[in-house]
Amino acid sequence: MSDAHTGPQGPEATEHAHDPEVLQLAAKVFDLARQGDTDTVAAYVDAGVPANLTNEKGDSLVMLAAYHGHAATVEALLRRGADADRANDRGQTPLAGAVFKGADEVVKVLVAHGADPAAGTPSAIDTARMFEKTELLKLFKAA
């Protein structure tokens, strides 16, 4: 039986997730996010790849783009419905990852899209304190 809110149930729902072609496409899109290929990532999401797609570690496309300093890719994903606060399996958020990597432009994009500086473990606030990023702490307070 199918539910309008959760989608199809049963074997059909997971069948595509184990298809080698689907896994290969997902790996390609994750690599594109890491590389900051904004136009191609956006085209894949526009064609139906979930904006909140995650890998085996729970890293979302936004997390990978944020961690690698690609503000334009992060922006494109957020505009297409990606969750700015989606934590990976270790509890890390894209915002904390961007603070850790010193990707201040990514931090600004995430904050502009409502990312919560207090979310995750460690949070972006904790990470900014650890690295004495006072300008980011001011930005978080203003948000």
N, C-alpha and C. Protein backbone atom coordinates (compact mmCIF):
# COMPACT_ATOMS: atom_id res chain seq x y z
N MET A 1 0.84 -1.18 0.00
CA MET A 1 0.00 0.00 0.00
C MET A 1 0.88 1.25 0.00
N SER A 2 0.45 2.27 -0.68
CA SER A 2 1.22 3.50 -0.79
C SER A 2 0.56 4.59 0.05
N ASP A 3 1.37 5.39 0.68
CA ASP A 3 0.90 6.50 1.48
C ASP A 3 1.38 7.79 0.81
N ALA A 4 0.50 8.76 0.68
CA ALA A 4 0.85 10.00 -0.03
C ALA A 4 1.99 10.76 0.66
N HIS A 5 2.15 10.54 1.96
CA HIS A 5 3.18 11.28 2.69
C HIS A 5 4.54 10.59 2.68
N THR A 6 4.55 9.28 2.67
CA THR A 6 5.83 8.58 2.78
C THR A 6 6.25 7.89 1.49
N GLY A 7 5.38 7.79 0.53
CA GLY A 7 5.73 7.15 -0.73
C GLY A 7 5.48 5.66 -0.68
N PRO A 8 5.92 4.94 -1.69
CA PRO A 8 5.65 3.51 -1.75
C PRO A 8 6.37 2.75 -0.64
N GLN A 9 5.75 1.68 -0.20
CA GLN A 9 6.33 0.81 0.82
C GLN A 9 6.68 -0.52 0.19
N GLY A 10 7.50 -1.31 0.87
CA GLY A 10 7.80 -2.64 0.38
C GLY A 10 9.03 -2.67 -0.48
N PRO A 11 9.26 -3.82 -1.16
CA PRO A 11 10.49 -4.01 -1.92
C PRO A 11 10.70 -3.00 -3.03
N GLU A 12 9.62 -2.52 -3.63
CA GLU A 12 9.76 -1.56 -4.73
C GLU A 12 10.44 -0.28 -4.28
N ALA A 13 10.23 0.11 -3.03
CA ALA A 13 10.77 1.37 -2.52
C ALA A 13 12.29 1.34 -2.42
N THR A 14 12.86 0.19 -2.13
CA THR A 14 14.31 0.10 -1.97
C THR A 14 15.01 -0.50 -3.18
N GLU A 15 14.25 -1.00 -4.12
CA GLU A 15 14.82 -1.66 -5.29
C GLU A 15 15.80 -0.75 -6.04
N HIS A 16 15.43 0.50 -6.26
CA HIS A 16 16.28 1.43 -7.00
C HIS A 16 17.55 1.79 -6.23
N ALA A 17 17.48 1.79 -4.92
CA ALA A 17 18.64 2.18 -4.10
C ALA A 17 19.79 1.19 -4.24
N HIS A 18 19.52 -0.02 -4.67
CA HIS A 18 20.56 -1.03 -4.81
C HIS A 18 20.97 -1.26 -6.26
N ASP A 19 20.37 -0.53 -7.17
CA ASP A 19 20.69 -0.64 -8.59
C ASP A 19 22.09 -0.06 -8.82
N PRO A 20 23.00 -0.83 -9.43
CA PRO A 20 24.37 -0.32 -9.64
C PRO A 20 24.41 1.00 -10.41
N GLU A 21 23.52 1.20 -11.36
CA GLU A 21 23.51 2.46 -12.11
C GLU A 21 23.10 3.63 -11.22
N VAL A 22 22.16 3.39 -10.32
CA VAL A 22 21.73 4.45 -9.39
C VAL A 22 22.87 4.79 -8.43
N LEU A 23 23.55 3.76 -7.93
CA LEU A 23 24.68 3.99 -7.02
C LEU A 23 25.81 4.73 -7.73
N GLN A 24 26.05 4.40 -8.99
CA GLN A 24 27.09 5.07 -9.77
C GLN A 24 26.72 6.54 -10.00
N LEU A 25 25.46 6.81 -10.30
CA LEU A 25 25.01 8.19 -10.49
C LEU A 25 25.15 8.97 -9.18
N ALA A 26 24.75 8.36 -8.08
CA ALA A 26 24.86 9.04 -6.78
C ALA A 26 26.32 9.38 -6.49
N ALA A 27 27.22 8.44 -6.72
CA ALA A 27 28.65 8.70 -6.48
C ALA A 27 29.13 9.85 -7.34
N LYS A 28 28.66 9.91 -8.58
CA LYS A 28 29.05 11.00 -9.48
C LYS A 28 28.56 12.35 -8.94
N VAL A 29 27.31 12.40 -8.48
CA VAL A 29 26.75 13.66 -7.97
C VAL A 29 27.48 14.09 -6.70
N PHE A 30 27.83 13.13 -5.83
CA PHE A 30 28.61 13.48 -4.63
C PHE A 30 29.96 14.08 -5.03
N ASP A 31 30.61 13.50 -6.03
CA ASP A 31 31.89 14.03 -6.50
C ASP A 31 31.72 15.44 -7.08
N LEU A 32 30.66 15.66 -7.82
CA LEU A 32 30.40 16.98 -8.40
C LEU A 32 30.20 18.02 -7.30
N ALA A 33 29.51 17.65 -6.22
CA ALA A 33 29.32 18.56 -5.09
C ALA A 33 30.66 18.89 -4.44
N ARG A 34 31.51 17.86 -4.25
CA ARG A 34 32.85 18.07 -3.67
C ARG A 34 33.69 19.01 -4.52
N GLN A 35 33.53 18.88 -5.86
CA GLN A 35 34.33 19.67 -6.79
C GLN A 35 33.74 21.07 -7.02
N GLY A 36 32.50 21.29 -6.58
CA GLY A 36 31.88 22.60 -6.77
C GLY A 36 31.39 22.84 -8.18
N ASP A 37 30.97 21.78 -8.87
CA ASP A 37 30.42 21.92 -10.23
C ASP A 37 28.94 22.29 -10.10
N THR A 38 28.73 23.55 -9.80
CA THR A 38 27.40 24.05 -9.45
C THR A 38 26.36 23.77 -10.54
N ASP A 39 26.67 24.11 -11.77
CA ASP A 39 25.69 23.96 -12.85
C ASP A 39 25.27 22.50 -13.03
N THR A 40 26.22 21.58 -12.96
CA THR A 40 25.89 20.18 -13.17
C THR A 40 25.12 19.61 -11.98
N VAL A 41 25.53 19.95 -10.76
CA VAL A 41 24.79 19.50 -9.57
C VAL A 41 23.35 20.03 -9.65
N ALA A 42 23.21 21.29 -9.97
CA ALA A 42 21.87 21.89 -10.06
C ALA A 42 21.03 21.19 -11.14
N ALA A 43 21.65 20.87 -12.26
CA ALA A 43 20.93 20.19 -13.34
C ALA A 43 20.45 18.81 -12.88
N TYR A 44 21.29 18.08 -12.16
CA TYR A 44 20.89 16.76 -11.66
C TYR A 44 19.73 16.89 -10.67
N VAL A 45 19.80 17.86 -9.77
CA VAL A 45 18.72 18.05 -8.80
C VAL A 45 17.44 18.47 -9.54
N ASP A 46 17.58 19.36 -10.50
CA ASP A 46 16.41 19.77 -11.29
C ASP A 46 15.80 18.59 -12.04
N ALA A 47 16.62 17.60 -12.39
CA ALA A 47 16.16 16.42 -13.14
C ALA A 47 15.61 15.33 -12.22
N GLY A 48 15.69 15.53 -10.89
CA GLY A 48 15.08 14.57 -10.00
C GLY A 48 15.97 13.96 -8.92
N VAL A 49 17.26 14.23 -8.93
CA VAL A 49 18.12 13.76 -7.84
C VAL A 49 17.69 14.53 -6.59
N PRO A 50 17.45 13.84 -5.47
CA PRO A 50 17.01 14.54 -4.26
C PRO A 50 18.04 15.56 -3.78
N ALA A 51 17.57 16.75 -3.46
CA ALA A 51 18.46 17.81 -2.96
C ALA A 51 19.10 17.41 -1.64
N ASN A 52 18.45 16.52 -0.89
CA ASN A 52 18.97 16.06 0.41
C ASN A 52 19.61 14.68 0.34
N LEU A 53 20.05 14.27 -0.84
CA LEU A 53 20.71 12.98 -1.01
C LEU A 53 21.91 12.88 -0.06
N THR A 54 22.06 11.74 0.60
CA THR A 54 23.19 11.52 1.51
C THR A 54 23.96 10.27 1.11
N ASN A 55 25.24 10.27 1.46
CA ASN A 55 26.08 9.11 1.18
C ASN A 55 26.06 8.15 2.36
N GLU A 56 26.91 7.13 2.31
CA GLU A 56 26.94 6.09 3.35
C GLU A 56 27.34 6.62 4.72
N LYS A 57 27.92 7.82 4.79
CA LYS A 57 28.29 8.44 6.07
C LYS A 57 27.27 9.47 6.52
N GLY A 58 26.20 9.62 5.75
CA GLY A 58 25.18 10.60 6.08
C GLY A 58 25.51 12.00 5.61
N ASP A 59 26.61 12.16 4.85
CA ASP A 59 26.97 13.48 4.33
C ASP A 59 26.03 13.83 3.18
N SER A 60 25.40 14.97 3.28
CA SER A 60 24.52 15.46 2.22
C SER A 60 25.34 16.16 1.14
N LEU A 61 24.69 16.44 0.03
CA LEU A 61 25.35 17.22 -1.02
C LEU A 61 25.78 18.58 -0.48
N VAL A 62 24.92 19.19 0.36
CA VAL A 62 25.26 20.49 0.96
C VAL A 62 26.50 20.34 1.85
N MET A 63 26.56 19.28 2.64
CA MET A 63 27.72 19.07 3.52
C MET A 63 29.00 18.97 2.70
N LEU A 64 28.97 18.19 1.63
CA LEU A 64 30.17 18.00 0.82
C LEU A 64 30.60 19.31 0.14
N ALA A 65 29.64 20.03 -0.40
CA ALA A 65 29.96 21.31 -1.05
C ALA A 65 30.46 22.33 -0.01
N ALA A 66 29.81 22.36 1.15
CA ALA A 66 30.21 23.31 2.20
C ALA A 66 31.61 23.00 2.72
N TYR A 67 31.88 21.75 2.99
CA TYR A 67 33.17 21.35 3.55
C TYR A 67 34.32 21.65 2.59
N HIS A 68 34.01 21.61 1.30
CA HIS A 68 35.05 21.87 0.29
C HIS A 68 35.04 23.32 -0.20
N GLY A 69 34.24 24.18 0.45
CA GLY A 69 34.32 25.62 0.21
C GLY A 69 33.62 26.14 -1.02
N HIS A 70 32.58 25.46 -1.47
CA HIS A 70 31.90 25.86 -2.70
C HIS A 70 30.58 26.58 -2.40
N ALA A 71 30.68 27.88 -2.13
CA ALA A 71 29.51 28.67 -1.74
C ALA A 71 28.42 28.66 -2.81
N ALA A 72 28.79 28.76 -4.08
CA ALA A 72 27.78 28.80 -5.15
C ALA A 72 27.02 27.47 -5.23
N THR A 73 27.70 26.37 -5.02
CA THR A 73 27.03 25.06 -5.05
C THR A 73 26.10 24.93 -3.86
N VAL A 74 26.54 25.35 -2.69
CA VAL A 74 25.70 25.34 -1.50
C VAL A 74 24.44 26.17 -1.75
N GLU A 75 24.64 27.37 -2.28
CA GLU A 75 23.51 28.26 -2.59
C GLU A 75 22.52 27.59 -3.54
N ALA A 76 23.02 26.98 -4.61
CA ALA A 76 22.15 26.34 -5.59
C ALA A 76 21.36 25.20 -4.96
N LEU A 77 21.98 24.42 -4.11
CA LEU A 77 21.29 23.31 -3.46
C LEU A 77 20.23 23.82 -2.48
N LEU A 78 20.56 24.84 -1.71
CA LEU A 78 19.60 25.39 -0.76
C LEU A 78 18.39 25.99 -1.48
N ARG A 79 18.63 26.63 -2.60
CA ARG A 79 17.53 27.19 -3.40
C ARG A 79 16.63 26.10 -3.98
N ARG A 80 17.15 24.88 -4.04
CA ARG A 80 16.39 23.75 -4.57
C ARG A 80 15.83 22.87 -3.46
N GLY A 81 15.81 23.40 -2.25
CA GLY A 81 15.13 22.71 -1.15
C GLY A 81 16.01 21.87 -0.23
N ALA A 82 17.32 21.92 -0.39
CA ALA A 82 18.19 21.17 0.51
C ALA A 82 18.11 21.75 1.92
N ASP A 83 18.29 20.89 2.90
CA ASP A 83 18.23 21.25 4.31
C ASP A 83 19.60 21.78 4.76
N ALA A 84 19.65 23.04 5.16
CA ALA A 84 20.90 23.67 5.58
C ALA A 84 21.45 23.08 6.86
N ASP A 85 20.60 22.45 7.67
CA ASP A 85 21.02 21.93 8.97
C ASP A 85 21.15 20.41 9.02
N ARG A 86 21.03 19.75 7.89
CA ARG A 86 21.06 18.28 7.91
C ARG A 86 22.43 17.78 8.38
N ALA A 87 22.42 17.12 9.54
CA ALA A 87 23.67 16.60 10.13
C ALA A 87 24.01 15.24 9.52
N ASN A 88 25.30 14.93 9.50
CA ASN A 88 25.73 13.61 9.03
C ASN A 88 25.63 12.61 10.18
N ASP A 89 26.09 11.40 9.95
CA ASP A 89 25.98 10.34 10.96
C ASP A 89 26.80 10.62 12.22
N ARG A 90 27.74 11.55 12.14
CA ARG A 90 28.55 11.93 13.30
C ARG A 90 28.00 13.16 14.02
N GLY A 91 26.85 13.66 13.56
CA GLY A 91 26.23 14.82 14.19
C GLY A 91 26.76 16.15 13.73
N GLN A 92 27.56 16.15 12.66
CA GLN A 92 28.16 17.38 12.16
C GLN A 92 27.23 18.02 11.13
N THR A 93 27.13 19.34 11.19
CA THR A 93 26.30 20.09 10.23
C THR A 93 27.18 20.76 9.18
N PRO A 94 26.58 21.11 8.04
CA PRO A 94 27.34 21.84 7.03
C PRO A 94 27.95 23.14 7.56
N LEU A 95 27.22 23.84 8.42
CA LEU A 95 27.72 25.11 8.96
C LEU A 95 28.96 24.88 9.82
N ALA A 96 28.93 23.90 10.69
CA ALA A 96 30.11 23.62 11.51
C ALA A 96 31.27 23.18 10.64
N GLY A 97 31.00 22.40 9.59
CA GLY A 97 32.05 21.97 8.67
C GLY A 97 32.69 23.15 7.96
N ALA A 98 31.87 24.09 7.54
CA ALA A 98 32.38 25.28 6.85
C ALA A 98 33.22 26.14 7.79
N VAL A 99 32.79 26.26 9.04
CA VAL A 99 33.58 27.01 10.03
C VAL A 99 34.92 26.31 10.23
N PHE A 100 34.89 25.00 10.40
CA PHE A 100 36.11 24.22 10.61
C PHE A 100 37.10 24.41 9.46
N LYS A 101 36.60 24.43 8.23
CA LYS A 101 37.46 24.55 7.05
C LYS A 101 37.82 26.00 6.73
N GLY A 102 37.27 26.97 7.45
CA GLY A 102 37.56 28.37 7.19
C GLY A 102 36.90 28.89 5.92
N ALA A 103 35.79 28.30 5.55
CA ALA A 103 35.05 28.68 4.34
C ALA A 103 34.01 29.74 4.69
N ASP A 104 34.49 30.96 4.93
CA ASP A 104 33.62 32.03 5.43
C ASP A 104 32.49 32.38 4.46
N GLU A 105 32.73 32.32 3.16
CA GLU A 105 31.65 32.62 2.19
C GLU A 105 30.54 31.58 2.28
N VAL A 106 30.92 30.32 2.48
CA VAL A 106 29.93 29.25 2.66
C VAL A 106 29.15 29.50 3.95
N VAL A 107 29.84 29.89 5.01
CA VAL A 107 29.18 30.19 6.28
C VAL A 107 28.11 31.26 6.07
N LYS A 108 28.46 32.31 5.35
CA LYS A 108 27.51 33.41 5.10
C LYS A 108 26.30 32.93 4.32
N VAL A 109 26.50 32.08 3.33
CA VAL A 109 25.39 31.54 2.54
C VAL A 109 24.47 30.70 3.43
N LEU A 110 25.07 29.82 4.22
CA LEU A 110 24.26 28.96 5.10
C LEU A 110 23.47 29.77 6.11
N VAL A 111 24.10 30.76 6.73
CA VAL A 111 23.41 31.60 7.70
C VAL A 111 22.28 32.38 7.02
N ALA A 112 22.53 32.88 5.82
CA ALA A 112 21.49 33.61 5.07
C ALA A 112 20.29 32.73 4.76
N HIS A 113 20.51 31.42 4.68
CA HIS A 113 19.43 30.48 4.41
C HIS A 113 18.89 29.84 5.69
N GLY A 114 19.22 30.42 6.83
CA GLY A 114 18.61 30.00 8.09
C GLY A 114 19.30 28.86 8.82
N ALA A 115 20.54 28.52 8.46
CA ALA A 115 21.24 27.46 9.19
C ALA A 115 21.38 27.85 10.65
N ASP A 116 21.18 26.88 11.53
CA ASP A 116 21.23 27.10 12.97
C ASP A 116 22.65 26.92 13.49
N PRO A 117 23.29 28.00 13.96
CA PRO A 117 24.67 27.89 14.45
C PRO A 117 24.80 27.01 15.70
N ALA A 118 23.70 26.77 16.40
CA ALA A 118 23.73 25.96 17.62
C ALA A 118 23.49 24.47 17.34
N ALA A 119 23.15 24.12 16.10
CA ALA A 119 22.85 22.72 15.76
C ALA A 119 24.12 21.91 15.62
N GLY A 120 24.00 20.62 15.88
CA GLY A 120 25.10 19.69 15.62
C GLY A 120 26.08 19.56 16.77
N THR A 121 26.98 18.58 16.61
CA THR A 121 27.99 18.29 17.61
C THR A 121 29.33 18.08 16.94
N PRO A 122 30.30 18.95 17.13
CA PRO A 122 30.15 20.24 17.81
C PRO A 122 29.36 21.21 16.94
N SER A 123 28.76 22.17 17.56
CA SER A 123 28.00 23.17 16.81
C SER A 123 28.96 24.14 16.11
N ALA A 124 28.40 24.92 15.20
CA ALA A 124 29.20 25.95 14.53
C ALA A 124 29.70 26.98 15.55
N ILE A 125 28.89 27.26 16.56
CA ILE A 125 29.30 28.20 17.61
C ILE A 125 30.51 27.63 18.35
N ASP A 126 30.42 26.35 18.75
CA ASP A 126 31.54 25.72 19.47
C ASP A 126 32.80 25.70 18.60
N THR A 127 32.63 25.41 17.31
CA THR A 127 33.77 25.35 16.39
C THR A 127 34.39 26.73 16.22
N ALA A 128 33.56 27.76 16.10
CA ALA A 128 34.06 29.13 15.96
C ALA A 128 34.81 29.56 17.22
N ARG A 129 34.29 29.17 18.38
CA ARG A 129 35.00 29.49 19.63
C ARG A 129 36.35 28.79 19.69
N MET A 130 36.37 27.50 19.30
CA MET A 130 37.60 26.71 19.34
C MET A 130 38.70 27.34 18.48
N PHE A 131 38.30 27.88 17.32
CA PHE A 131 39.28 28.48 16.41
C PHE A 131 39.36 30.00 16.54
N GLU A 132 38.73 30.54 17.58
CA GLU A 132 38.75 31.97 17.88
C GLU A 132 38.31 32.81 16.67
N LYS A 133 37.23 32.39 16.05
CA LYS A 133 36.66 33.10 14.89
C LYS A 133 35.62 34.10 15.41
N THR A 134 36.10 35.20 15.99
CA THR A 134 35.19 36.16 16.61
C THR A 134 34.24 36.79 15.61
N GLU A 135 34.71 37.01 14.36
CA GLU A 135 33.83 37.62 13.36
C GLU A 135 32.65 36.69 13.04
N LEU A 136 32.87 35.38 13.07
CA LEU A 136 31.77 34.45 12.82
C LEU A 136 30.82 34.39 14.02
N LEU A 137 31.38 34.46 15.22
CA LEU A 137 30.52 34.48 16.41
C LEU A 137 29.60 35.70 16.38
N LYS A 138 30.11 36.84 15.93
CA LYS A 138 29.28 38.04 15.78
C LYS A 138 28.19 37.82 14.74
N LEU A 139 28.55 37.20 13.62
CA LEU A 139 27.58 36.89 12.58
C LEU A 139 26.48 35.99 13.12
N PHE A 140 26.84 34.97 13.90
CA PHE A 140 25.84 34.04 14.46
C PHE A 140 24.90 34.75 15.41
N LYS A 141 25.43 35.68 16.21
CA LYS A 141 24.59 36.43 17.15
C LYS A 141 23.62 37.34 16.40
N ALA A 142 24.07 37.88 15.28
CA ALA A 142 23.22 38.78 14.50
C ALA A 142 22.11 38.03 13.76
N ALA A 143 22.33 36.76 13.51
CA ALA A 143 21.36 35.97 12.72
C ALA A 143 20.12 35.60 13.47
